[in-house]
C-alpha cells in the first residue's frame, strides 16, 4: 500500500482555461500499463476550459455548484451535483461553471499511449459561445 503525500493545489494555465480554475491531482498512473488519471477541479463563476478533446474520452462527476458542458455541434447542458457526463474519445467539448456559481467536479480519463496526446487543446470558448451555447465554426 502507498499513501501519497498531499500535493499542492495548482492553478490551471490561461492558455487552456478562461477565468480561475484550480486542480488537485488524485490519481496518476503508477505502474506499467496503468492509464487512469483523476483530478478534483474547481472553477470560479464563469470560468471554463478551452475547447478540447481526449484520446480515450473523459468522465466528469459534478460535486458542487452548477456546471455547463457542451460538445461541438451540440446543445449546452446544465449539470448539478451528483450528475455525471461522459465525453467520448475525440469529441471536442468544453466545461465550466455557470456565471453565478462556483463549480467543482471530478475529472476522470485515461492517458493515451503517448501521454502528450491524451488531451488536444483547441481555441478558447468565446464569451458569446459561453453565454448562448452557440458554437462558432472551428478556426483552423
N, C-alpha and C. Protein backbone atom coordinates (compact mmCIF):
# COMPACT_ATOMS: atom_id res chain seq x y z
N UNK A 1 0.85 -1.17 0.00
CA UNK A 1 0.00 0.00 0.00
C UNK A 1 0.89 1.23 0.00
N UNK A 2 0.49 2.23 -0.79
CA UNK A 2 1.17 3.52 -0.81
C UNK A 2 0.20 4.59 -0.35
N UNK A 3 0.62 5.40 0.59
CA UNK A 3 -0.16 6.57 1.00
C UNK A 3 0.58 7.78 0.47
N UNK A 4 -0.09 8.52 -0.38
CA UNK A 4 0.55 9.65 -1.03
C UNK A 4 0.55 10.89 -0.13
N UNK A 5 1.61 11.67 -0.20
CA UNK A 5 1.58 12.95 0.49
C UNK A 5 0.60 13.87 -0.23
N UNK A 6 0.09 14.84 0.51
CA UNK A 6 -0.81 15.82 -0.11
C UNK A 6 -0.04 16.63 -1.13
N UNK A 7 -0.63 16.77 -2.32
CA UNK A 7 0.01 17.59 -3.35
C UNK A 7 -0.61 18.98 -3.32
N UNK A 8 0.18 20.01 -3.60
CA UNK A 8 -0.37 21.36 -3.57
C UNK A 8 -1.40 21.58 -4.68
N UNK A 9 -2.40 22.38 -4.38
CA UNK A 9 -3.35 22.82 -5.39
C UNK A 9 -2.61 23.71 -6.37
N UNK A 10 -2.87 23.52 -7.65
CA UNK A 10 -2.24 24.36 -8.67
C UNK A 10 -3.31 25.06 -9.49
N UNK A 11 -2.96 26.22 -10.00
CA UNK A 11 -3.87 26.97 -10.86
C UNK A 11 -3.62 26.53 -12.30
N UNK A 12 -4.71 26.27 -13.03
CA UNK A 12 -4.56 25.82 -14.41
C UNK A 12 -4.13 26.98 -15.31
N UNK A 13 -3.42 26.65 -16.40
CA UNK A 13 -2.83 27.69 -17.25
C UNK A 13 -3.85 28.45 -18.10
N UNK A 14 -3.63 29.76 -18.27
CA UNK A 14 -4.57 30.58 -19.06
C UNK A 14 -4.61 30.20 -20.54
N UNK A 15 -3.63 29.46 -21.02
CA UNK A 15 -3.66 29.02 -22.42
C UNK A 15 -4.77 28.00 -22.65
N UNK A 16 -5.20 27.34 -21.58
CA UNK A 16 -6.19 26.27 -21.71
C UNK A 16 -7.50 26.57 -20.98
N UNK A 17 -7.55 27.68 -20.23
CA UNK A 17 -8.72 27.99 -19.41
C UNK A 17 -9.00 29.48 -19.45
N UNK A 18 -10.27 29.84 -19.32
CA UNK A 18 -10.70 31.23 -19.14
C UNK A 18 -11.17 31.35 -17.71
N UNK A 19 -10.66 32.35 -16.97
CA UNK A 19 -11.04 32.52 -15.58
C UNK A 19 -10.17 31.69 -14.66
N UNK A 20 -10.54 31.68 -13.40
CA UNK A 20 -9.74 30.99 -12.38
C UNK A 20 -10.20 29.56 -12.19
N UNK A 21 -9.26 28.63 -12.39
CA UNK A 21 -9.53 27.20 -12.28
C UNK A 21 -8.37 26.57 -11.51
N UNK A 22 -8.69 25.76 -10.51
CA UNK A 22 -7.67 25.10 -9.70
C UNK A 22 -7.83 23.60 -9.78
N UNK A 23 -6.71 22.88 -9.68
CA UNK A 23 -6.75 21.42 -9.78
C UNK A 23 -5.95 20.78 -8.65
N UNK A 24 -6.50 19.69 -8.14
CA UNK A 24 -5.83 18.83 -7.17
C UNK A 24 -5.76 17.43 -7.78
N UNK A 25 -4.56 16.95 -8.12
CA UNK A 25 -4.47 15.59 -8.65
C UNK A 25 -4.83 14.58 -7.57
N UNK A 26 -5.54 13.54 -7.99
CA UNK A 26 -5.93 12.47 -7.06
C UNK A 26 -5.21 11.18 -7.42
N UNK A 27 -5.24 10.80 -8.69
CA UNK A 27 -4.63 9.53 -9.10
C UNK A 27 -3.93 9.70 -10.44
N UNK A 28 -2.75 9.13 -10.53
CA UNK A 28 -1.96 9.11 -11.77
C UNK A 28 -1.43 7.69 -11.97
N UNK A 29 -1.08 7.34 -13.20
CA UNK A 29 -0.52 6.00 -13.41
C UNK A 29 0.73 5.79 -12.56
N UNK A 30 0.85 4.59 -11.99
CA UNK A 30 1.99 4.26 -11.13
C UNK A 30 2.84 3.12 -11.69
N UNK A 31 2.18 2.22 -12.39
CA UNK A 31 2.88 1.03 -12.88
C UNK A 31 2.66 0.87 -14.38
N UNK A 32 3.50 0.08 -14.99
CA UNK A 32 3.40 -0.21 -16.42
C UNK A 32 1.99 -0.68 -16.75
N UNK A 33 1.41 -0.11 -17.80
CA UNK A 33 0.09 -0.50 -18.26
C UNK A 33 -1.06 0.29 -17.63
N UNK A 34 -0.79 1.03 -16.56
CA UNK A 34 -1.85 1.84 -15.96
C UNK A 34 -2.01 3.14 -16.73
N UNK A 35 -3.27 3.62 -16.83
CA UNK A 35 -3.53 4.86 -17.59
C UNK A 35 -4.45 5.83 -16.87
N UNK A 36 -5.03 5.42 -15.73
CA UNK A 36 -6.05 6.22 -15.06
C UNK A 36 -5.49 7.53 -14.50
N UNK A 37 -6.23 8.62 -14.77
CA UNK A 37 -5.93 9.94 -14.22
C UNK A 37 -7.23 10.48 -13.63
N UNK A 38 -7.16 10.94 -12.37
CA UNK A 38 -8.32 11.52 -11.71
C UNK A 38 -7.87 12.81 -11.05
N UNK A 39 -8.66 13.87 -11.19
CA UNK A 39 -8.35 15.14 -10.56
C UNK A 39 -9.63 15.79 -10.04
N UNK A 40 -9.48 16.54 -8.95
CA UNK A 40 -10.56 17.35 -8.41
C UNK A 40 -10.32 18.76 -8.92
N UNK A 41 -11.31 19.32 -9.66
CA UNK A 41 -11.12 20.60 -10.32
C UNK A 41 -12.18 21.58 -9.84
N UNK A 42 -11.74 22.81 -9.52
CA UNK A 42 -12.64 23.86 -9.04
C UNK A 42 -12.63 25.03 -10.01
N UNK A 43 -13.82 25.49 -10.38
CA UNK A 43 -13.98 26.60 -11.32
C UNK A 43 -14.65 27.77 -10.60
N UNK A 44 -14.09 28.97 -10.72
CA UNK A 44 -14.76 30.18 -10.24
C UNK A 44 -15.95 30.46 -11.14
N UNK A 45 -16.92 31.25 -10.68
CA UNK A 45 -18.06 31.58 -11.55
C UNK A 45 -17.58 32.11 -12.91
N UNK A 46 -18.16 31.56 -13.98
CA UNK A 46 -17.83 31.98 -15.33
C UNK A 46 -16.56 31.36 -15.90
N UNK A 47 -15.77 30.66 -15.09
CA UNK A 47 -14.53 30.04 -15.59
C UNK A 47 -14.87 28.79 -16.40
N UNK A 48 -14.01 28.50 -17.37
CA UNK A 48 -14.27 27.36 -18.26
C UNK A 48 -12.99 26.92 -18.94
N UNK A 49 -13.05 25.71 -19.49
CA UNK A 49 -11.94 25.20 -20.28
C UNK A 49 -12.00 25.82 -21.67
N UNK A 50 -10.92 25.68 -22.41
CA UNK A 50 -10.95 25.92 -23.85
C UNK A 50 -11.61 24.68 -24.49
N UNK A 51 -11.95 24.78 -25.76
CA UNK A 51 -12.39 23.59 -26.49
C UNK A 51 -11.26 22.58 -26.42
N UNK A 52 -11.58 21.32 -26.26
CA UNK A 52 -10.55 20.28 -26.21
C UNK A 52 -11.20 18.92 -26.44
N UNK A 53 -10.34 17.92 -26.64
CA UNK A 53 -10.81 16.54 -26.75
C UNK A 53 -9.80 15.64 -26.05
N UNK A 54 -10.23 14.41 -25.78
CA UNK A 54 -9.37 13.44 -25.10
C UNK A 54 -9.27 12.18 -25.94
N UNK A 55 -8.08 11.65 -26.05
CA UNK A 55 -7.84 10.48 -26.89
C UNK A 55 -8.66 9.27 -26.46
N UNK A 56 -8.92 9.13 -25.15
CA UNK A 56 -9.67 7.98 -24.64
C UNK A 56 -10.96 8.39 -23.92
N UNK A 57 -11.43 9.61 -24.17
CA UNK A 57 -12.66 10.08 -23.55
C UNK A 57 -12.42 10.66 -22.16
N UNK A 58 -13.47 11.24 -21.58
CA UNK A 58 -13.38 11.84 -20.26
C UNK A 58 -14.74 11.75 -19.57
N UNK A 59 -14.71 11.41 -18.29
CA UNK A 59 -15.89 11.39 -17.45
C UNK A 59 -15.77 12.52 -16.43
N UNK A 60 -16.85 13.29 -16.27
CA UNK A 60 -16.90 14.37 -15.28
C UNK A 60 -18.04 14.07 -14.31
N UNK A 61 -17.75 14.14 -13.02
CA UNK A 61 -18.78 13.95 -12.00
C UNK A 61 -18.86 15.24 -11.19
N UNK A 62 -20.01 15.91 -11.25
CA UNK A 62 -20.19 17.20 -10.60
C UNK A 62 -20.39 16.96 -9.10
N UNK A 63 -19.59 17.67 -8.28
CA UNK A 63 -19.69 17.51 -6.83
C UNK A 63 -20.29 18.73 -6.14
N UNK A 64 -20.15 19.92 -6.73
CA UNK A 64 -20.70 21.15 -6.15
C UNK A 64 -21.02 22.14 -7.26
N UNK A 65 -22.00 22.98 -7.04
CA UNK A 65 -22.27 24.09 -7.95
C UNK A 65 -23.04 23.69 -9.20
N UNK A 66 -22.98 24.58 -10.18
CA UNK A 66 -23.69 24.38 -11.45
C UNK A 66 -22.66 24.35 -12.57
N UNK A 67 -22.68 23.27 -13.34
CA UNK A 67 -21.74 23.09 -14.46
C UNK A 67 -22.46 23.32 -15.77
N UNK A 68 -21.75 23.92 -16.71
CA UNK A 68 -22.19 23.99 -18.09
C UNK A 68 -21.21 23.17 -18.91
N UNK A 69 -21.74 22.31 -19.79
CA UNK A 69 -20.93 21.43 -20.62
C UNK A 69 -21.52 21.46 -22.03
N UNK A 70 -20.63 21.48 -23.03
CA UNK A 70 -21.11 21.49 -24.41
C UNK A 70 -20.14 20.72 -25.29
N UNK A 71 -20.69 19.88 -26.16
CA UNK A 71 -19.91 19.24 -27.22
C UNK A 71 -20.08 20.07 -28.47
N UNK A 72 -19.03 20.13 -29.28
CA UNK A 72 -19.10 20.92 -30.52
C UNK A 72 -20.26 20.40 -31.38
N UNK A 73 -21.13 21.32 -31.79
CA UNK A 73 -22.28 20.96 -32.60
C UNK A 73 -23.50 20.57 -31.79
N UNK A 74 -23.34 20.47 -30.47
CA UNK A 74 -24.46 20.08 -29.62
C UNK A 74 -24.95 21.24 -28.77
N UNK A 75 -25.97 20.98 -28.00
CA UNK A 75 -26.54 21.99 -27.12
C UNK A 75 -25.74 22.07 -25.82
N UNK A 76 -25.66 23.25 -25.25
CA UNK A 76 -25.05 23.42 -23.93
C UNK A 76 -26.01 22.82 -22.92
N UNK A 77 -25.48 22.03 -21.98
CA UNK A 77 -26.31 21.41 -20.95
C UNK A 77 -25.87 21.89 -19.58
N UNK A 78 -26.81 21.91 -18.65
CA UNK A 78 -26.53 22.30 -17.27
C UNK A 78 -26.58 21.06 -16.41
N UNK A 79 -25.56 20.90 -15.57
CA UNK A 79 -25.48 19.74 -14.68
C UNK A 79 -25.37 20.21 -13.24
N UNK A 80 -25.85 19.35 -12.33
CA UNK A 80 -25.89 19.68 -10.91
C UNK A 80 -25.17 18.59 -10.10
N UNK A 81 -24.88 18.87 -8.83
CA UNK A 81 -24.18 17.90 -8.01
C UNK A 81 -24.82 16.52 -8.07
N UNK A 82 -23.96 15.52 -8.22
CA UNK A 82 -24.41 14.13 -8.31
C UNK A 82 -24.58 13.65 -9.74
N UNK A 83 -24.58 14.55 -10.70
CA UNK A 83 -24.72 14.14 -12.10
C UNK A 83 -23.35 13.87 -12.71
N UNK A 84 -23.33 12.96 -13.67
CA UNK A 84 -22.10 12.55 -14.35
C UNK A 84 -22.32 12.65 -15.85
N UNK A 85 -21.30 13.12 -16.57
CA UNK A 85 -21.37 13.20 -18.02
C UNK A 85 -20.11 12.54 -18.59
N UNK A 86 -20.29 11.86 -19.72
CA UNK A 86 -19.16 11.24 -20.41
C UNK A 86 -19.01 11.89 -21.77
N UNK A 87 -17.80 12.33 -22.09
CA UNK A 87 -17.45 12.87 -23.41
C UNK A 87 -16.60 11.82 -24.12
N UNK A 88 -17.10 11.22 -25.19
CA UNK A 88 -16.39 10.14 -25.86
C UNK A 88 -15.03 10.56 -26.43
N UNK A 89 -14.22 9.59 -26.72
CA UNK A 89 -12.90 9.81 -27.31
C UNK A 89 -13.01 10.67 -28.56
N UNK A 90 -12.18 11.70 -28.64
CA UNK A 90 -12.13 12.56 -29.82
C UNK A 90 -13.21 13.61 -29.90
N UNK A 91 -14.19 13.60 -29.01
CA UNK A 91 -15.28 14.57 -29.06
C UNK A 91 -14.80 15.92 -28.51
N UNK A 92 -14.88 16.96 -29.34
CA UNK A 92 -14.48 18.29 -28.91
C UNK A 92 -15.57 18.86 -28.00
N UNK A 93 -15.15 19.37 -26.84
CA UNK A 93 -16.10 19.86 -25.85
C UNK A 93 -15.44 20.90 -24.96
N UNK A 94 -16.25 21.54 -24.14
CA UNK A 94 -15.75 22.41 -23.08
C UNK A 94 -16.65 22.22 -21.86
N UNK A 95 -16.14 22.60 -20.69
CA UNK A 95 -16.94 22.55 -19.47
C UNK A 95 -16.47 23.64 -18.53
N UNK A 96 -17.40 24.11 -17.72
CA UNK A 96 -17.07 25.18 -16.79
C UNK A 96 -18.22 25.47 -15.85
N UNK A 97 -18.05 26.55 -15.08
CA UNK A 97 -19.04 26.96 -14.10
C UNK A 97 -20.05 27.92 -14.73
N UNK A 98 -21.27 27.87 -14.25
CA UNK A 98 -22.26 28.88 -14.63
C UNK A 98 -21.75 30.25 -14.16
N UNK A 99 -22.28 31.33 -14.72
CA UNK A 99 -21.73 32.65 -14.42
C UNK A 99 -21.93 33.12 -12.98
N UNK A 100 -22.85 32.50 -12.25
CA UNK A 100 -23.13 32.96 -10.89
C UNK A 100 -22.90 31.88 -9.84
N UNK A 101 -22.08 30.88 -10.18
CA UNK A 101 -21.88 29.77 -9.25
C UNK A 101 -20.48 29.17 -9.39
N UNK A 102 -19.83 28.93 -8.27
CA UNK A 102 -18.62 28.11 -8.31
C UNK A 102 -19.05 26.71 -8.73
N UNK A 103 -18.12 25.93 -9.27
CA UNK A 103 -18.43 24.56 -9.66
C UNK A 103 -17.20 23.70 -9.41
N UNK A 104 -17.45 22.50 -8.91
CA UNK A 104 -16.37 21.54 -8.68
C UNK A 104 -16.76 20.22 -9.33
N UNK A 105 -15.77 19.55 -9.92
CA UNK A 105 -16.03 18.22 -10.47
C UNK A 105 -14.81 17.33 -10.33
N UNK A 106 -15.07 16.05 -10.38
CA UNK A 106 -14.01 15.06 -10.53
C UNK A 106 -13.86 14.83 -12.02
N UNK A 107 -12.63 14.95 -12.52
CA UNK A 107 -12.33 14.68 -13.93
C UNK A 107 -11.59 13.35 -13.98
N UNK A 108 -12.11 12.43 -14.79
CA UNK A 108 -11.53 11.09 -14.89
C UNK A 108 -11.28 10.75 -16.34
N UNK A 109 -10.06 10.32 -16.63
CA UNK A 109 -9.71 9.96 -18.00
C UNK A 109 -8.55 8.97 -17.98
N UNK A 110 -8.22 8.46 -19.14
CA UNK A 110 -7.07 7.56 -19.29
C UNK A 110 -6.06 8.21 -20.20
N UNK A 111 -4.79 8.10 -19.82
CA UNK A 111 -3.72 8.59 -20.69
C UNK A 111 -3.71 7.80 -21.99
N UNK A 112 -3.33 8.47 -23.07
CA UNK A 112 -3.12 7.80 -24.35
C UNK A 112 -1.77 7.07 -24.28
N UNK A 113 -1.45 6.29 -25.31
CA UNK A 113 -0.16 5.62 -25.37
C UNK A 113 0.98 6.61 -25.20
N UNK A 114 0.84 7.76 -25.84
CA UNK A 114 1.76 8.89 -25.68
C UNK A 114 1.02 9.90 -24.81
N UNK A 115 1.46 10.11 -23.57
CA UNK A 115 0.70 10.96 -22.65
C UNK A 115 0.55 12.38 -23.18
N UNK A 116 1.43 12.83 -24.06
CA UNK A 116 1.30 14.16 -24.65
C UNK A 116 0.08 14.24 -25.57
N UNK A 117 -0.41 13.10 -26.04
CA UNK A 117 -1.57 13.07 -26.93
C UNK A 117 -2.88 12.81 -26.18
N UNK A 118 -2.82 12.76 -24.85
CA UNK A 118 -4.01 12.46 -24.06
C UNK A 118 -5.10 13.50 -24.25
N UNK A 119 -4.71 14.80 -24.20
CA UNK A 119 -5.66 15.90 -24.37
C UNK A 119 -5.18 16.79 -25.51
N UNK A 120 -6.07 17.08 -26.43
CA UNK A 120 -5.77 18.02 -27.52
C UNK A 120 -6.49 19.32 -27.21
N UNK A 121 -5.71 20.37 -26.95
CA UNK A 121 -6.28 21.68 -26.62
C UNK A 121 -6.49 22.48 -27.89
N UNK A 122 -7.64 23.15 -27.97
CA UNK A 122 -8.02 23.93 -29.13
C UNK A 122 -8.22 25.38 -28.72
N UNK A 123 -9.02 26.12 -29.47
CA UNK A 123 -9.22 27.55 -29.20
C UNK A 123 -10.08 27.77 -27.95
N UNK A 124 -9.96 28.97 -27.41
CA UNK A 124 -10.79 29.34 -26.26
C UNK A 124 -12.26 29.43 -26.65
N UNK A 125 -13.12 29.13 -25.70
CA UNK A 125 -14.56 29.33 -25.86
C UNK A 125 -14.80 30.83 -25.74
N UNK A 126 -15.43 31.42 -26.74
CA UNK A 126 -15.68 32.86 -26.69
C UNK A 126 -16.76 33.17 -25.65
N UNK A 127 -16.84 34.43 -25.26
CA UNK A 127 -17.89 34.84 -24.33
C UNK A 127 -19.27 34.58 -24.93
N UNK A 128 -19.42 34.81 -26.24
CA UNK A 128 -20.70 34.57 -26.90
C UNK A 128 -21.05 33.08 -26.89
N UNK A 129 -20.09 32.21 -27.21
CA UNK A 129 -20.34 30.77 -27.17
C UNK A 129 -20.73 30.34 -25.76
N UNK A 130 -20.02 30.85 -24.78
CA UNK A 130 -20.29 30.50 -23.38
C UNK A 130 -21.70 30.91 -22.98
N UNK A 131 -22.10 32.13 -23.30
CA UNK A 131 -23.41 32.63 -22.89
C UNK A 131 -24.56 32.00 -23.67
N UNK A 132 -24.40 31.89 -24.98
CA UNK A 132 -25.52 31.44 -25.82
C UNK A 132 -25.54 29.93 -26.06
N UNK A 133 -24.38 29.28 -25.94
CA UNK A 133 -24.30 27.86 -26.26
C UNK A 133 -24.29 27.60 -27.74
N UNK A 134 -24.08 28.65 -28.54
CA UNK A 134 -23.99 28.51 -30.00
C UNK A 134 -22.53 28.51 -30.38
N UNK A 135 -22.00 27.34 -30.72
CA UNK A 135 -20.59 27.21 -31.05
C UNK A 135 -20.31 27.78 -32.44
N UNK A 136 -19.24 28.52 -32.54
CA UNK A 136 -18.81 29.05 -33.84
C UNK A 136 -18.05 27.97 -34.59
N UNK A 137 -17.93 28.13 -35.90
CA UNK A 137 -17.14 27.18 -36.69
C UNK A 137 -15.72 27.16 -36.16
N UNK A 138 -15.12 25.98 -36.17
CA UNK A 138 -13.76 25.84 -35.67
C UNK A 138 -12.81 26.60 -36.56
N UNK A 139 -11.91 27.32 -35.92
CA UNK A 139 -10.89 28.07 -36.65
C UNK A 139 -9.68 27.16 -36.84
N UNK A 140 -9.15 27.13 -38.04
CA UNK A 140 -8.00 26.25 -38.32
C UNK A 140 -6.72 26.89 -37.85
